[in-house]
Structure formats: C-alpha cells, structure tokens
Amino acid sequence: MLGDFKTFALRGNVVDLAVGVIIGAAFGAIVTSAVQDIFMPVIGAITGGLDFSNYYIPLSSKVQAGLPYADAKKQGAVIGYGQFLTLTLNFLIVAFVLFLVIRAMNRLQTAEAKKPDAMPADVKLLSEIRDLLAEKPRV
C-alpha cells in the first residue's frame, strides 16, 4: 500500500498540481497586497480619501454610525459592500493577469508551431541524397 501511494504521489500530474497550488497561493497573496496597498488607496484618493473596506450598511439599530467595519460587525448585522468591492477588484485583477499570462503562452506555442525546422544546409543536402538513393531501384 505504501508503494502504491508513493507511485501515486510522485506522478508528474500530482507534483505539478502541488506546485501550481503553492505558486497560486503565493500569487494570490501578491495580488491581495497589490489591491489593498496600491490600487485601493489610489481609488480612495480619487474618491476623496475614503477607504472602501469600511463601507457598510447597518442592518441593526445596535450598530453605531461611523465605526470601522470590523467593529460594526461585532455590534450587529451589517452588509459590508466595501469589502465586497475590494474582493471583486481583487478577482478582476487576478483574472486579467491570468488572461495575459495564458495569452502570452498561447502566442509562444503558436510561434513555435509555425517555426520551420531549422535544419543545417549540410544535413538537408545529405537527407535529400538519402531520399534520392532510396527512390532509385536496386539492381
């Protein structure tokens, strides 16, 4: 059983998947930081210095106005649409970057497929001679 598990775990697809998950998690952290630390402050500055992460609609009368979102959630039910906007922007950035990466990979693959085989002239000449000799009837 241990041998079967080792065979399964060391298959190329499983290892590739594990590497992809780890890189994806790291990439997600980078994108989250870019959204929270770069894009959202710029958007907040454009909109008058407002922080989207603290936008919410209180659903309970217990929630005091003007509290940060985290504190408002502790006091009662709130709809945190600012957090939703931040996460939506995060998703759109990830999707766009992945689109660019996949598009670039597809272009490289099609360029490789269209590239003619770069056979040296002497090898090409020897191949033609071989083909001609193979066509010639033997006596």
N, C-alpha and C. Protein backbone atom coordinates (compact mmCIF):
# COMPACT_ATOMS: atom_id res chain seq x y z
N MET A 1 0.83 -1.19 0.00
CA MET A 1 0.00 0.00 0.00
C MET A 1 0.87 1.26 0.00
N LEU A 2 1.94 1.24 0.77
CA LEU A 2 2.84 2.38 0.82
C LEU A 2 3.50 2.62 -0.53
N GLY A 3 3.84 1.52 -1.19
CA GLY A 3 4.44 1.63 -2.53
C GLY A 3 3.47 2.21 -3.54
N ASP A 4 2.20 1.79 -3.47
CA ASP A 4 1.19 2.36 -4.37
C ASP A 4 0.99 3.85 -4.12
N PHE A 5 0.99 4.23 -2.84
CA PHE A 5 0.83 5.65 -2.52
C PHE A 5 2.02 6.45 -3.05
N LYS A 6 3.21 5.92 -2.89
CA LYS A 6 4.41 6.60 -3.38
C LYS A 6 4.34 6.77 -4.89
N THR A 7 3.90 5.73 -5.61
CA THR A 7 3.76 5.80 -7.06
C THR A 7 2.74 6.87 -7.44
N PHE A 8 1.62 6.91 -6.72
CA PHE A 8 0.58 7.91 -6.99
C PHE A 8 1.09 9.33 -6.70
N ALA A 9 1.72 9.51 -5.56
CA ALA A 9 2.14 10.84 -5.13
C ALA A 9 3.25 11.41 -6.01
N LEU A 10 4.06 10.54 -6.59
CA LEU A 10 5.19 11.02 -7.38
C LEU A 10 4.90 11.08 -8.87
N ARG A 11 3.67 10.84 -9.26
CA ARG A 11 3.29 11.02 -10.67
C ARG A 11 3.48 12.47 -11.04
N GLY A 12 3.78 12.72 -12.26
CA GLY A 12 4.02 14.08 -12.72
C GLY A 12 2.84 15.00 -12.50
N ASN A 13 1.62 14.52 -12.75
CA ASN A 13 0.45 15.39 -12.61
C ASN A 13 0.22 15.83 -11.18
N VAL A 14 0.44 14.94 -10.21
CA VAL A 14 0.21 15.29 -8.82
C VAL A 14 1.24 16.31 -8.36
N VAL A 15 2.48 16.10 -8.73
CA VAL A 15 3.54 17.04 -8.35
C VAL A 15 3.30 18.40 -9.02
N ASP A 16 2.92 18.39 -10.30
CA ASP A 16 2.63 19.64 -11.00
C ASP A 16 1.47 20.38 -10.34
N LEU A 17 0.45 19.64 -9.93
CA LEU A 17 -0.69 20.24 -9.25
C LEU A 17 -0.26 20.87 -7.93
N ALA A 18 0.56 20.17 -7.17
CA ALA A 18 1.03 20.70 -5.89
C ALA A 18 1.83 21.99 -6.10
N VAL A 19 2.70 21.99 -7.08
CA VAL A 19 3.48 23.19 -7.37
C VAL A 19 2.55 24.33 -7.80
N GLY A 20 1.55 24.01 -8.62
CA GLY A 20 0.60 25.03 -9.06
C GLY A 20 -0.19 25.63 -7.90
N VAL A 21 -0.59 24.79 -6.96
CA VAL A 21 -1.34 25.29 -5.80
C VAL A 21 -0.47 26.21 -4.95
N ILE A 22 0.77 25.82 -4.73
CA ILE A 22 1.67 26.64 -3.91
C ILE A 22 1.96 27.97 -4.60
N ILE A 23 2.25 27.93 -5.89
CA ILE A 23 2.51 29.17 -6.62
C ILE A 23 1.24 30.03 -6.68
N GLY A 24 0.09 29.38 -6.84
CA GLY A 24 -1.17 30.12 -6.86
C GLY A 24 -1.43 30.83 -5.55
N ALA A 25 -1.13 30.17 -4.44
CA ALA A 25 -1.33 30.81 -3.13
C ALA A 25 -0.40 32.02 -2.98
N ALA A 26 0.84 31.86 -3.40
CA ALA A 26 1.78 32.99 -3.31
C ALA A 26 1.35 34.12 -4.23
N PHE A 27 0.89 33.78 -5.43
CA PHE A 27 0.42 34.79 -6.38
C PHE A 27 -0.80 35.50 -5.82
N GLY A 28 -1.69 34.75 -5.16
CA GLY A 28 -2.88 35.36 -4.55
C GLY A 28 -2.50 36.37 -3.48
N ALA A 29 -1.49 36.05 -2.70
CA ALA A 29 -1.03 36.97 -1.66
C ALA A 29 -0.46 38.25 -2.28
N ILE A 30 0.26 38.11 -3.38
CA ILE A 30 0.82 39.28 -4.06
C ILE A 30 -0.30 40.15 -4.61
N VAL A 31 -1.29 39.54 -5.23
CA VAL A 31 -2.40 40.31 -5.80
C VAL A 31 -3.21 40.97 -4.70
N THR A 32 -3.44 40.27 -3.60
CA THR A 32 -4.17 40.87 -2.48
C THR A 32 -3.43 42.09 -1.96
N SER A 33 -2.13 41.98 -1.83
CA SER A 33 -1.34 43.12 -1.37
C SER A 33 -1.40 44.27 -2.38
N ALA A 34 -1.33 43.94 -3.68
CA ALA A 34 -1.40 44.99 -4.70
C ALA A 34 -2.74 45.71 -4.64
N VAL A 35 -3.82 44.96 -4.46
CA VAL A 35 -5.14 45.59 -4.39
C VAL A 35 -5.26 46.45 -3.14
N GLN A 36 -4.91 45.89 -1.98
CA GLN A 36 -5.11 46.60 -0.72
C GLN A 36 -4.11 47.74 -0.52
N ASP A 37 -2.87 47.55 -0.97
CA ASP A 37 -1.82 48.53 -0.67
C ASP A 37 -1.54 49.50 -1.81
N ILE A 38 -1.96 49.19 -3.04
CA ILE A 38 -1.66 50.07 -4.17
C ILE A 38 -2.93 50.61 -4.82
N PHE A 39 -3.79 49.70 -5.30
CA PHE A 39 -4.95 50.14 -6.08
C PHE A 39 -6.02 50.82 -5.23
N MET A 40 -6.40 50.20 -4.11
CA MET A 40 -7.48 50.76 -3.31
C MET A 40 -7.13 52.12 -2.71
N PRO A 41 -5.91 52.36 -2.22
CA PRO A 41 -5.59 53.72 -1.76
C PRO A 41 -5.68 54.76 -2.87
N VAL A 42 -5.28 54.39 -4.10
CA VAL A 42 -5.39 55.33 -5.23
C VAL A 42 -6.86 55.62 -5.52
N ILE A 43 -7.67 54.56 -5.56
CA ILE A 43 -9.10 54.76 -5.80
C ILE A 43 -9.72 55.56 -4.66
N GLY A 44 -9.30 55.28 -3.45
CA GLY A 44 -9.79 56.05 -2.30
C GLY A 44 -9.41 57.52 -2.39
N ALA A 45 -8.18 57.80 -2.86
CA ALA A 45 -7.74 59.19 -3.02
C ALA A 45 -8.55 59.90 -4.09
N ILE A 46 -8.87 59.19 -5.16
CA ILE A 46 -9.68 59.77 -6.24
C ILE A 46 -11.09 60.09 -5.74
N THR A 47 -11.60 59.23 -4.86
CA THR A 47 -12.96 59.43 -4.36
C THR A 47 -13.00 60.26 -3.08
N GLY A 48 -11.91 60.92 -2.75
CA GLY A 48 -11.92 61.81 -1.59
C GLY A 48 -11.32 61.20 -0.34
N GLY A 49 -10.44 60.25 -0.47
CA GLY A 49 -9.75 59.68 0.68
C GLY A 49 -10.57 58.66 1.44
N LEU A 50 -11.59 58.13 0.84
CA LEU A 50 -12.43 57.15 1.51
C LEU A 50 -11.84 55.76 1.38
N ASP A 51 -11.99 54.97 2.43
CA ASP A 51 -11.49 53.60 2.45
C ASP A 51 -12.65 52.66 2.18
N PHE A 52 -12.63 51.98 1.05
CA PHE A 52 -13.74 51.11 0.68
C PHE A 52 -13.97 49.98 1.66
N SER A 53 -12.91 49.51 2.31
CA SER A 53 -13.07 48.36 3.21
C SER A 53 -13.97 48.69 4.40
N ASN A 54 -14.20 49.95 4.68
CA ASN A 54 -15.07 50.33 5.80
C ASN A 54 -16.44 50.80 5.35
N TYR A 55 -16.81 50.53 4.12
CA TYR A 55 -18.17 50.85 3.65
C TYR A 55 -19.10 49.71 4.03
N TYR A 56 -20.15 50.06 4.71
CA TYR A 56 -21.13 49.05 5.10
C TYR A 56 -22.48 49.71 5.33
N ILE A 57 -23.51 48.86 5.32
CA ILE A 57 -24.87 49.31 5.62
C ILE A 57 -25.30 48.58 6.88
N PRO A 58 -25.58 49.33 7.97
CA PRO A 58 -26.02 48.65 9.20
C PRO A 58 -27.44 48.10 9.04
N LEU A 59 -27.64 46.88 9.48
CA LEU A 59 -28.96 46.25 9.44
C LEU A 59 -29.59 46.20 10.82
N SER A 60 -28.83 46.60 11.80
CA SER A 60 -29.30 46.56 13.18
C SER A 60 -29.19 47.96 13.78
N SER A 61 -30.12 48.30 14.64
CA SER A 61 -30.07 49.61 15.30
C SER A 61 -28.98 49.65 16.36
N LYS A 62 -28.40 48.50 16.70
CA LYS A 62 -27.33 48.44 17.70
C LYS A 62 -26.01 48.97 17.15
N VAL A 63 -25.88 49.02 15.85
CA VAL A 63 -24.62 49.43 15.21
C VAL A 63 -24.53 50.95 15.22
N GLN A 64 -23.47 51.47 15.83
CA GLN A 64 -23.25 52.91 15.88
C GLN A 64 -22.68 53.38 14.54
N ALA A 65 -23.08 54.55 14.13
CA ALA A 65 -22.60 55.11 12.86
C ALA A 65 -21.14 55.50 12.98
N GLY A 66 -20.39 55.32 11.90
CA GLY A 66 -19.00 55.77 11.84
C GLY A 66 -17.98 54.80 12.36
N LEU A 67 -18.38 53.64 12.80
CA LEU A 67 -17.43 52.65 13.29
C LEU A 67 -16.72 51.98 12.13
N PRO A 68 -15.49 51.52 12.35
CA PRO A 68 -14.85 50.69 11.32
C PRO A 68 -15.67 49.42 11.11
N TYR A 69 -15.55 48.84 9.94
CA TYR A 69 -16.35 47.68 9.56
C TYR A 69 -16.20 46.52 10.55
N ALA A 70 -14.97 46.24 10.98
CA ALA A 70 -14.74 45.13 11.91
C ALA A 70 -15.48 45.35 13.22
N ASP A 71 -15.48 46.58 13.73
CA ASP A 71 -16.17 46.88 14.98
C ASP A 71 -17.68 46.86 14.79
N ALA A 72 -18.14 47.32 13.64
CA ALA A 72 -19.58 47.33 13.35
C ALA A 72 -20.11 45.90 13.29
N LYS A 73 -19.33 44.98 12.73
CA LYS A 73 -19.75 43.58 12.66
C LYS A 73 -19.92 42.99 14.05
N LYS A 74 -19.12 43.44 15.00
CA LYS A 74 -19.21 42.93 16.36
C LYS A 74 -20.48 43.42 17.06
N GLN A 75 -20.95 44.60 16.67
CA GLN A 75 -22.13 45.17 17.33
C GLN A 75 -23.44 44.64 16.76
N GLY A 76 -23.45 44.22 15.52
CA GLY A 76 -24.69 43.73 14.93
C GLY A 76 -24.52 43.39 13.46
N ALA A 77 -25.63 43.10 12.82
CA ALA A 77 -25.61 42.70 11.42
C ALA A 77 -25.36 43.91 10.51
N VAL A 78 -24.44 43.75 9.59
CA VAL A 78 -24.11 44.79 8.61
C VAL A 78 -23.87 44.14 7.26
N ILE A 79 -24.11 44.90 6.20
CA ILE A 79 -23.75 44.47 4.85
C ILE A 79 -22.47 45.20 4.50
N GLY A 80 -21.39 44.46 4.35
CA GLY A 80 -20.09 45.07 4.06
C GLY A 80 -19.83 45.16 2.57
N TYR A 81 -20.47 46.10 1.90
CA TYR A 81 -20.31 46.20 0.45
C TYR A 81 -18.94 46.74 0.05
N GLY A 82 -18.28 47.46 0.92
CA GLY A 82 -16.93 47.93 0.63
C GLY A 82 -15.95 46.78 0.54
N GLN A 83 -16.08 45.83 1.45
CA GLN A 83 -15.24 44.63 1.42
C GLN A 83 -15.52 43.84 0.14
N PHE A 84 -16.79 43.77 -0.23
CA PHE A 84 -17.17 43.08 -1.46
C PHE A 84 -16.54 43.76 -2.68
N LEU A 85 -16.56 45.09 -2.71
CA LEU A 85 -15.93 45.82 -3.82
C LEU A 85 -14.44 45.52 -3.89
N THR A 86 -13.79 45.49 -2.75
CA THR A 86 -12.36 45.19 -2.71
C THR A 86 -12.07 43.80 -3.24
N LEU A 87 -12.85 42.81 -2.79
CA LEU A 87 -12.63 41.44 -3.24
C LEU A 87 -12.98 41.27 -4.72
N THR A 88 -13.98 41.99 -5.19
CA THR A 88 -14.33 41.93 -6.62
C THR A 88 -13.20 42.50 -7.46
N LEU A 89 -12.63 43.62 -7.03
CA LEU A 89 -11.50 44.20 -7.74
C LEU A 89 -10.31 43.24 -7.72
N ASN A 90 -10.10 42.61 -6.59
CA ASN A 90 -9.03 41.62 -6.45
C ASN A 90 -9.22 40.50 -7.47
N PHE A 91 -10.43 39.97 -7.58
CA PHE A 91 -10.72 38.91 -8.54
C PHE A 91 -10.48 39.37 -9.97
N LEU A 92 -10.94 40.57 -10.31
CA LEU A 92 -10.78 41.07 -11.67
C LEU A 92 -9.31 41.23 -12.04
N ILE A 93 -8.50 41.66 -11.10
CA ILE A 93 -7.07 41.81 -11.35
C ILE A 93 -6.43 40.44 -11.57
N VAL A 94 -6.77 39.46 -10.72
CA VAL A 94 -6.22 38.11 -10.88
C VAL A 94 -6.64 37.53 -12.21
N ALA A 95 -7.92 37.67 -12.56
CA ALA A 95 -8.42 37.13 -13.83
C ALA A 95 -7.72 37.78 -15.01
N PHE A 96 -7.51 39.10 -14.96
CA PHE A 96 -6.86 39.80 -16.06
C PHE A 96 -5.40 39.38 -16.20
N VAL A 97 -4.70 39.25 -15.08
CA VAL A 97 -3.29 38.84 -15.14
C VAL A 97 -3.18 37.41 -15.67
N LEU A 98 -4.06 36.52 -15.21
CA LEU A 98 -4.04 35.15 -15.73
C LEU A 98 -4.36 35.13 -17.22
N PHE A 99 -5.30 35.96 -17.65
CA PHE A 99 -5.61 36.07 -19.08
C PHE A 99 -4.37 36.48 -19.87
N LEU A 100 -3.63 37.47 -19.37
CA LEU A 100 -2.42 37.92 -20.07
C LEU A 100 -1.36 36.82 -20.12
N VAL A 101 -1.19 36.09 -19.02
CA VAL A 101 -0.19 35.02 -18.97
C VAL A 101 -0.56 33.91 -19.95
N ILE A 102 -1.82 33.47 -19.94
CA ILE A 102 -2.26 32.40 -20.83
C ILE A 102 -2.19 32.84 -22.28
N ARG A 103 -2.55 34.09 -22.53
CA ARG A 103 -2.48 34.62 -23.91
C ARG A 103 -1.03 34.63 -24.40
N ALA A 104 -0.10 35.04 -23.54
CA ALA A 104 1.31 35.05 -23.93
C ALA A 104 1.82 33.63 -24.18
N MET A 105 1.40 32.68 -23.33
CA MET A 105 1.82 31.29 -23.53
C MET A 105 1.26 30.74 -24.83
N ASN A 106 0.02 31.04 -25.14
CA ASN A 106 -0.58 30.57 -26.40
C ASN A 106 0.15 31.15 -27.60
N ARG A 107 0.52 32.41 -27.52
CA ARG A 107 1.27 33.03 -28.64
C ARG A 107 2.63 32.37 -28.82
N LEU A 108 3.29 32.05 -27.71
CA LEU A 108 4.59 31.38 -27.81
C LEU A 108 4.44 29.99 -28.42
N GLN A 109 3.38 29.28 -28.02
CA GLN A 109 3.16 27.94 -28.56
C GLN A 109 2.85 27.99 -30.05
N THR A 110 2.04 28.94 -30.50
CA THR A 110 1.73 29.02 -31.92
C THR A 110 2.95 29.48 -32.71
N ALA A 111 3.78 30.34 -32.11
CA ALA A 111 5.00 30.77 -32.79
C ALA A 111 5.95 29.58 -32.95
N GLU A 112 6.04 28.73 -31.95
CA GLU A 112 6.89 27.55 -32.03
C GLU A 112 6.36 26.58 -33.07
N ALA A 113 5.04 26.43 -33.15
CA ALA A 113 4.45 25.51 -34.11
C ALA A 113 4.65 25.99 -35.54
N LYS A 114 4.61 27.29 -35.76
CA LYS A 114 4.77 27.85 -37.11
C LYS A 114 6.24 27.91 -37.53
N LYS A 115 7.14 27.85 -36.58
CA LYS A 115 8.56 27.96 -36.88
C LYS A 115 9.02 26.75 -37.69
N PRO A 116 9.62 26.97 -38.86
CA PRO A 116 10.09 25.83 -39.64
C PRO A 116 11.30 25.18 -38.94
N ASP A 117 11.46 23.90 -39.21
CA ASP A 117 12.61 23.22 -38.64
C ASP A 117 13.89 23.83 -39.21
N ALA A 118 14.71 24.28 -38.34
CA ALA A 118 15.96 24.90 -38.75
C ALA A 118 17.01 23.80 -38.94
N MET A 119 17.00 23.19 -40.13
CA MET A 119 17.93 22.12 -40.43
C MET A 119 19.14 22.74 -41.12
N PRO A 120 20.33 22.42 -40.64
CA PRO A 120 21.52 22.94 -41.31
C PRO A 120 21.56 22.49 -42.76
N ALA A 121 22.19 23.30 -43.59
CA ALA A 121 22.23 23.04 -45.04
C ALA A 121 22.88 21.69 -45.36
N ASP A 122 23.96 21.33 -44.67
CA ASP A 122 24.63 20.06 -44.98
C ASP A 122 23.75 18.86 -44.60
N VAL A 123 23.02 18.97 -43.50
CA VAL A 123 22.12 17.88 -43.10
C VAL A 123 20.97 17.77 -44.09
N LYS A 124 20.46 18.91 -44.53
CA LYS A 124 19.38 18.91 -45.51
C LYS A 124 19.85 18.26 -46.82
N LEU A 125 21.05 18.62 -47.27
CA LEU A 125 21.59 18.05 -48.50
C LEU A 125 21.79 16.54 -48.37
N LEU A 126 22.32 16.09 -47.25
CA LEU A 126 22.50 14.66 -47.04
C LEU A 126 21.16 13.93 -46.97
N SER A 127 20.16 14.56 -46.40
CA SER A 127 18.82 13.95 -46.35
C SER A 127 18.24 13.82 -47.74
N GLU A 128 18.43 14.82 -48.58
CA GLU A 128 17.94 14.75 -49.96
C GLU A 128 18.65 13.65 -50.73
N ILE A 129 19.97 13.52 -50.55
CA ILE A 129 20.72 12.46 -51.22
C ILE A 129 20.22 11.10 -50.76
N ARG A 130 20.00 10.94 -49.46
CA ARG A 130 19.49 9.68 -48.93
C ARG A 130 18.13 9.34 -49.53
N ASP A 131 17.26 10.34 -49.62
CA ASP A 131 15.92 10.12 -50.18
C ASP A 131 16.00 9.74 -51.65
N LEU A 132 16.89 10.39 -52.41
CA LEU A 132 17.05 10.05 -53.82
C LEU A 132 17.60 8.63 -54.00
N LEU A 133 18.54 8.27 -53.17
CA LEU A 133 19.10 6.91 -53.24
C LEU A 133 18.07 5.86 -52.86
N ALA A 134 17.17 6.23 -51.93
CA ALA A 134 16.13 5.28 -51.52
C ALA A 134 15.11 5.08 -52.63
N GLU A 135 14.88 6.10 -53.45
CA GLU A 135 13.92 6.01 -54.55
C GLU A 135 14.48 5.24 -55.74
N LYS A 136 15.79 5.24 -55.89
CA LYS A 136 16.44 4.60 -57.02
C LYS A 136 16.27 3.07 -56.92
N PRO A 137 15.83 2.43 -58.03
CA PRO A 137 15.67 0.98 -58.00
C PRO A 137 17.02 0.28 -57.83
N ARG A 138 17.01 -0.76 -57.07
CA ARG A 138 18.26 -1.51 -56.84
C ARG A 138 18.43 -2.57 -57.89
N VAL A 139 19.64 -2.75 -58.32
CA VAL A 139 19.93 -3.71 -59.38
C VAL A 139 20.46 -4.98 -58.80
